[in-house]
Amino acid sequence: MPSVRDILVRQNAYQDSLLYTFESHLREIVMRAQGRTMAILQQRLKITDGVIDSTPGNLMQLRAANKIFLAELEEAGYSRLVEAFVGEFRGSLQFLDETVAFLGDQVDQKWRVEFTARDRNLLAGMQGNTVWAIEETMQAVSGAAITRGLFGVAGLRFSSLVDLLSEKLETSIARARTIADTSMSTFYRTAAARAFQAIEADLPEQELKYRYSGPVDKLERPFCRHLTDVDKGYTREAIDKMSNGQLPNVWLTGGGWNCRHQWILDTRDLETSPSTAQSPALAMPQR
């Protein structure tokens, strides 16, 4: 049976593959929409010697530019891409099944995960939130670029507007990737938290602790490096008091944006427990 470390390595590889595909397709879609938007604006704007004329009509066209871009983004397949990517989140749950089975094997228990309808609705809600967050990011960034263009329309070269939008959209792609990466990890931690709640209910007399596990490399933040270096078990109460300095709820957000670490049940204190016995499937508790 693979170790937790092996499982986490494969889980991260799975996530990296999805993110790479998502980002690559997103860049293609954004560039296509940007090109179409600039072509439409070039036809509609009055431009003299490459400079956008400062006229009421041009101002109206620029105010509509973000709507044009978002429509072209949709036409290029943006929403379909985001929804397809988020739909793959559930593929990571195979690694949770393996992790729970491995942990159970360490203490002579047969643990397996079974999600309730409420759990499935919770996870679906998180997927929906991710779709919303990624789409909002693109709208906000493109809108900010157009707004800057509006304030500088007097004497603004059309090529400068193109460059401004290109710069902002490149930023939006990076932000969308960060949201995608963080949301996928948080989705997995939420599912794992439900599984660990069931284990806690299965071992009511045990004080369960959790280890911080995941990649140990140069990308680790000081918060994560400290926890992986110490490699000790923490109670939920202790974890809930921690702060990563970026996002709330360390139990679900780990070290913050783009963090790949996971809280894993620490079986080191349970391995010699005389109370361990064979367990049925773990149905997630209703809350």
Protein backbone atom coordinates (compact mmCIF):
# COMPACT_ATOMS: atom_id res chain seq x y z
CA MET A 1 0.00 0.00 0.00
CA PRO A 2 1.45 3.43 -0.94
CA SER A 3 2.48 5.77 1.90
CA VAL A 4 0.86 9.14 2.59
CA ARG A 5 3.91 10.83 1.05
CA ASP A 6 3.49 8.79 -2.15
CA ILE A 7 -0.21 9.62 -2.28
CA LEU A 8 0.44 13.34 -1.82
CA VAL A 9 3.06 13.32 -4.58
CA ARG A 10 0.54 11.78 -7.00
CA GLN A 11 -2.18 14.15 -5.84
CA ASN A 12 0.05 17.17 -6.50
CA ALA A 13 0.98 15.79 -9.92
CA TYR A 14 -2.73 15.42 -10.72
CA GLN A 15 -3.39 19.00 -9.64
CA ASP A 16 -0.39 20.34 -11.56
CA SER A 17 -1.61 18.63 -14.72
CA LEU A 18 -5.09 20.12 -14.41
CA LEU A 19 -3.74 23.59 -13.66
CA TYR A 20 -1.31 23.50 -16.58
CA THR A 21 -4.10 22.55 -18.98
CA PHE A 22 -6.45 25.15 -17.51
CA GLU A 23 -3.91 27.96 -17.69
CA SER A 24 -2.83 27.06 -21.24
CA HIS A 25 -6.39 27.02 -22.55
CA LEU A 26 -7.29 30.14 -20.57
CA ARG A 27 -4.43 32.08 -22.15
CA GLU A 28 -5.55 31.02 -25.63
CA ILE A 29 -9.14 32.06 -24.92
CA VAL A 30 -8.16 35.40 -23.40
CA MET A 31 -5.82 36.27 -26.25
CA ARG A 32 -8.49 35.38 -28.81
CA ALA A 33 -11.07 37.54 -27.02
CA GLN A 34 -8.62 40.41 -26.68
CA GLY A 35 -7.79 40.30 -30.38
CA ARG A 36 -11.44 40.31 -31.37
CA THR A 37 -12.21 43.17 -28.95
CA MET A 38 -9.40 45.33 -30.28
CA ALA A 39 -10.48 44.66 -33.86
CA ILE A 40 -14.05 45.74 -33.05
CA LEU A 41 -12.88 48.89 -31.25
CA GLN A 42 -10.54 49.83 -34.07
CA GLN A 43 -13.50 49.74 -36.45
CA ARG A 44 -15.78 51.76 -34.17
CA LEU A 45 -13.40 54.39 -32.76
CA LYS A 46 -12.41 57.56 -34.53
CA ILE A 47 -8.62 57.51 -34.65
CA THR A 48 -6.33 60.18 -36.11
CA ASP A 49 -2.69 59.30 -36.78
CA GLY A 50 -2.94 56.40 -34.35
CA VAL A 51 -4.37 58.56 -31.53
CA ILE A 52 -7.91 58.02 -30.20
CA ASP A 53 -9.89 61.22 -30.75
CA SER A 54 -11.30 62.80 -27.62
CA THR A 55 -14.97 62.76 -28.65
CA PRO A 56 -18.22 61.84 -26.86
CA GLY A 57 -18.73 59.02 -29.33
CA ASN A 58 -15.32 57.52 -28.58
CA LEU A 59 -15.97 57.76 -24.85
CA MET A 60 -19.21 55.83 -25.32
CA GLN A 61 -17.42 53.15 -27.32
CA LEU A 62 -14.71 52.80 -24.65
CA ARG A 63 -17.32 52.54 -21.89
CA ALA A 64 -18.79 49.59 -23.77
CA ALA A 65 -15.40 47.96 -24.35
CA ASN A 66 -15.53 45.75 -21.27
CA LYS A 67 -18.92 44.36 -22.29
CA ILE A 68 -17.52 43.66 -25.73
CA PHE A 69 -14.52 41.87 -24.26
CA LEU A 70 -16.61 39.76 -21.87
CA ALA A 71 -18.95 38.78 -24.72
CA GLU A 72 -15.98 37.77 -26.86
CA LEU A 73 -14.51 35.88 -23.90
CA GLU A 74 -17.73 33.92 -23.58
CA GLU A 75 -17.86 33.27 -27.30
CA ALA A 76 -14.29 31.91 -27.13
CA GLY A 77 -15.34 29.31 -24.54
CA TYR A 78 -14.36 30.91 -21.22
CA SER A 79 -17.26 29.66 -19.11
CA ARG A 80 -17.06 26.18 -20.60
CA LEU A 81 -13.37 26.01 -19.70
CA VAL A 82 -13.89 27.16 -16.11
CA GLU A 83 -16.79 24.79 -15.51
CA ALA A 84 -14.91 21.86 -17.04
CA PHE A 85 -11.87 22.59 -14.87
CA VAL A 86 -13.89 22.86 -11.66
CA GLY A 87 -15.73 19.66 -12.57
CA GLU A 88 -12.40 17.83 -12.30
CA PHE A 89 -12.04 18.68 -8.59
CA ARG A 90 -13.83 15.47 -7.62
CA GLY A 91 -11.14 13.45 -9.35
CA SER A 92 -8.81 14.32 -6.48
CA LEU A 93 -11.04 12.44 -4.02
CA GLN A 94 -9.49 9.14 -5.11
CA PHE A 95 -6.39 10.24 -3.21
CA LEU A 96 -8.46 10.89 -0.09
CA ASP A 97 -9.84 7.34 -0.33
CA GLU A 98 -6.29 6.00 -0.50
CA THR A 99 -5.12 8.20 2.39
CA VAL A 100 -7.95 7.16 4.69
CA ALA A 101 -7.39 3.49 3.84
CA PHE A 102 -3.66 3.84 4.57
CA LEU A 103 -4.27 5.57 7.90
CA GLY A 104 -6.73 2.88 8.91
CA ASP A 105 -4.21 0.21 8.03
CA GLN A 106 -1.73 1.83 10.44
CA VAL A 107 -4.06 1.17 13.38
CA ASP A 108 -5.69 -2.06 12.22
CA GLN A 109 -8.94 -0.45 11.12
CA LYS A 110 -10.75 -0.67 7.81
CA TRP A 111 -11.67 2.92 7.14
CA ARG A 112 -13.26 4.11 3.92
CA VAL A 113 -15.03 7.31 3.00
CA GLU A 114 -18.71 7.60 2.16
CA PHE A 115 -20.08 11.10 1.58
CA THR A 116 -23.62 12.03 2.58
CA ALA A 117 -25.92 14.09 0.35
CA ARG A 118 -25.13 17.08 2.56
CA ASP A 119 -21.42 16.60 2.03
CA ARG A 120 -21.88 16.38 -1.72
CA ASN A 121 -23.92 19.59 -1.68
CA LEU A 122 -21.22 21.33 0.35
CA LEU A 123 -18.51 20.31 -2.10
CA ALA A 124 -20.68 21.28 -5.07
CA GLY A 125 -21.17 24.68 -3.47
CA MET A 126 -17.42 25.12 -3.21
CA GLN A 127 -17.06 24.29 -6.88
CA GLY A 128 -19.70 26.90 -7.70
CA ASN A 129 -17.86 29.49 -5.63
CA THR A 130 -14.68 28.78 -7.59
CA VAL A 131 -16.45 29.35 -10.91
CA TRP A 132 -17.78 32.67 -9.61
CA ALA A 133 -14.41 33.79 -8.21
CA ILE A 134 -12.49 33.06 -11.42
CA GLU A 135 -15.08 34.79 -13.60
CA GLU A 136 -15.20 37.82 -11.27
CA THR A 137 -11.42 38.13 -11.46
CA MET A 138 -11.43 38.39 -15.23
CA GLN A 139 -14.28 40.91 -15.26
CA ALA A 140 -12.64 43.11 -12.62
CA VAL A 141 -9.21 43.17 -14.23
CA SER A 142 -10.42 43.85 -17.75
CA GLY A 143 -12.78 46.52 -16.42
CA ALA A 144 -9.90 48.23 -14.59
CA ALA A 145 -7.87 48.36 -17.81
CA ILE A 146 -10.73 49.94 -19.74
CA THR A 147 -11.32 52.47 -16.94
CA ARG A 148 -7.68 53.58 -17.11
CA GLY A 149 -8.10 53.99 -20.84
CA LEU A 150 -11.15 56.19 -20.33
CA PHE A 151 -9.29 58.58 -18.04
CA GLY A 152 -6.42 58.85 -20.48
CA VAL A 153 -8.40 59.02 -23.70
CA ALA A 154 -7.18 62.52 -24.55
CA GLY A 155 -4.00 61.88 -26.52
CA LEU A 156 -4.09 58.11 -25.90
CA ARG A 157 -2.63 56.08 -28.74
CA PHE A 158 -4.68 53.07 -29.74
CA SER A 159 -1.56 50.92 -29.48
CA SER A 160 -1.19 52.08 -25.86
CA LEU A 161 -4.72 50.88 -25.12
CA VAL A 162 -3.82 47.50 -26.63
CA ASP A 163 -0.67 47.31 -24.49
CA LEU A 164 -2.56 48.32 -21.35
CA LEU A 165 -5.21 45.66 -21.87
CA SER A 166 -2.57 43.03 -22.64
CA GLU A 167 -0.69 43.84 -19.44
CA LYS A 168 -3.81 43.68 -17.28
CA LEU A 169 -5.10 40.50 -18.87
CA GLU A 170 -1.78 38.75 -18.27
CA THR A 171 -2.22 39.69 -14.61
CA SER A 172 -5.76 38.33 -14.66
CA ILE A 173 -4.54 34.96 -15.97
CA ALA A 174 -2.06 34.71 -13.13
CA ARG A 175 -4.75 35.61 -10.60
CA ALA A 176 -7.18 33.11 -12.09
CA ARG A 177 -4.54 30.39 -11.81
CA THR A 178 -3.92 31.28 -8.17
CA ILE A 179 -7.62 31.12 -7.38
CA ALA A 180 -7.92 27.83 -9.28
CA ASP A 181 -4.95 26.27 -7.46
CA THR A 182 -6.04 27.47 -4.02
CA SER A 183 -9.66 26.47 -4.56
CA MET A 184 -8.75 22.95 -5.61
CA SER A 185 -6.59 22.45 -2.52
CA THR A 186 -9.28 23.91 -0.26
CA PHE A 187 -11.90 21.65 -1.86
CA TYR A 188 -9.73 18.63 -1.05
CA ARG A 189 -9.05 19.78 2.53
CA THR A 190 -12.78 20.28 3.07
CA ALA A 191 -13.50 16.74 1.91
CA ALA A 192 -10.66 15.43 4.10
CA ALA A 193 -12.01 17.37 7.08
CA ARG A 194 -15.35 15.60 6.71
CA ALA A 195 -13.59 12.24 6.59
CA PHE A 196 -11.56 13.05 9.69
CA GLN A 197 -14.74 14.12 11.51
CA ALA A 198 -16.09 10.64 10.89
CA ILE A 199 -12.89 9.09 12.25
CA GLU A 200 -13.14 11.28 15.34
CA ALA A 201 -16.66 9.98 15.87
CA ASP A 202 -15.34 6.45 15.44
CA LEU A 203 -12.68 7.01 18.13
CA PRO A 204 -14.55 9.11 20.72
CA GLU A 205 -12.12 8.42 23.56
CA GLN A 206 -8.99 9.33 21.59
CA GLU A 207 -7.48 12.82 21.38
CA LEU A 208 -6.69 12.93 17.69
CA LYS A 209 -3.88 15.05 16.32
CA TYR A 210 -2.91 16.04 12.78
CA ARG A 211 0.42 16.34 10.97
CA TYR A 212 1.18 18.97 8.36
CA SER A 213 2.24 17.05 5.28
CA GLY A 214 3.24 17.90 1.75
CA PRO A 215 6.09 19.16 -0.43
CA VAL A 216 9.31 20.18 1.28
CA ASP A 217 11.09 22.43 -1.21
CA LYS A 218 12.32 25.95 -1.92
CA LEU A 219 8.76 27.15 -2.59
CA GLU A 220 7.66 26.56 1.00
CA ARG A 221 6.67 29.64 2.94
CA PRO A 222 8.16 30.12 6.44
CA PHE A 223 4.80 29.11 7.95
CA CYS A 224 4.76 25.82 6.07
CA ARG A 225 8.49 25.16 6.47
CA HIS A 226 8.20 25.48 10.24
CA LEU A 227 5.35 22.98 10.42
CA THR A 228 7.00 20.44 8.12
CA ASP A 229 10.36 20.78 9.90
CA VAL A 230 8.85 20.30 13.36
CA ASP A 231 6.66 17.42 12.11
CA LYS A 232 4.56 17.13 15.25
CA GLY A 233 0.90 16.43 15.80
CA TYR A 234 -1.55 19.23 16.59
CA THR A 235 -5.09 19.09 17.94
CA ARG A 236 -7.87 20.79 16.01
CA GLU A 237 -8.02 23.41 18.76
CA ALA A 238 -4.33 24.23 18.26
CA ILE A 239 -4.70 24.34 14.48
CA ASP A 240 -7.69 26.67 14.72
CA LYS A 241 -5.52 29.17 16.63
CA MET A 242 -2.85 29.27 13.89
CA SER A 243 -2.52 32.04 11.31
CA ASN A 244 -0.85 31.76 7.91
CA GLY A 245 -0.91 35.53 7.42
CA GLN A 246 -2.92 35.27 4.19
CA LEU A 247 -6.21 33.41 4.45
CA PRO A 248 -8.42 32.54 7.44
CA ASN A 249 -9.03 29.00 8.72
CA VAL A 250 -5.65 27.24 8.49
CA TRP A 251 -7.45 23.90 8.80
CA LEU A 252 -8.92 24.46 5.33
CA THR A 253 -6.49 26.92 3.72
CA GLY A 254 -3.15 25.53 4.95
CA GLY A 255 -0.36 28.03 4.31
CA GLY A 256 -2.52 30.33 2.16
CA TRP A 257 -2.59 31.03 -1.57
CA ASN A 258 -1.27 28.20 -3.78
CA CYS A 259 -0.47 26.01 -0.75
CA ARG A 260 -0.37 22.25 -1.48
CA HIS A 261 0.12 20.98 2.09
CA GLN A 262 -2.51 18.88 3.84
CA TRP A 263 -3.46 18.13 7.41
CA ILE A 264 -3.23 14.36 7.84
CA LEU A 265 -4.39 12.34 10.83
CA ASP A 266 -1.34 11.56 13.00
CA THR A 267 -1.48 7.83 13.69
CA ARG A 268 1.78 7.70 15.65
CA ASP A 269 -0.01 7.88 19.01
CA LEU A 270 -2.74 5.50 17.86
CA GLU A 271 -0.63 2.62 16.61
CA THR A 272 -0.40 0.94 20.03
CA SER A 273 -3.88 1.87 21.20
CA PRO A 274 -5.62 -1.20 22.69
CA SER A 275 -9.04 0.13 21.72
CA THR A 276 -8.54 -0.05 17.97
CA ALA A 277 -10.82 -2.48 16.19
CA GLN A 278 -12.32 -3.15 12.80
CA SER A 279 -14.53 -0.26 11.67
CA PRO A 280 -17.31 -0.06 9.11
CA ALA A 281 -17.47 2.49 6.35
CA LEU A 282 -17.27 6.06 7.61
CA ALA A 283 -20.44 7.96 6.83
CA MET A 284 -19.78 11.69 7.19
CA PRO A 285 -21.58 13.13 10.23
CA GLN A 286 -24.53 15.43 9.66
CA ARG A 287 -24.10 19.03 10.81
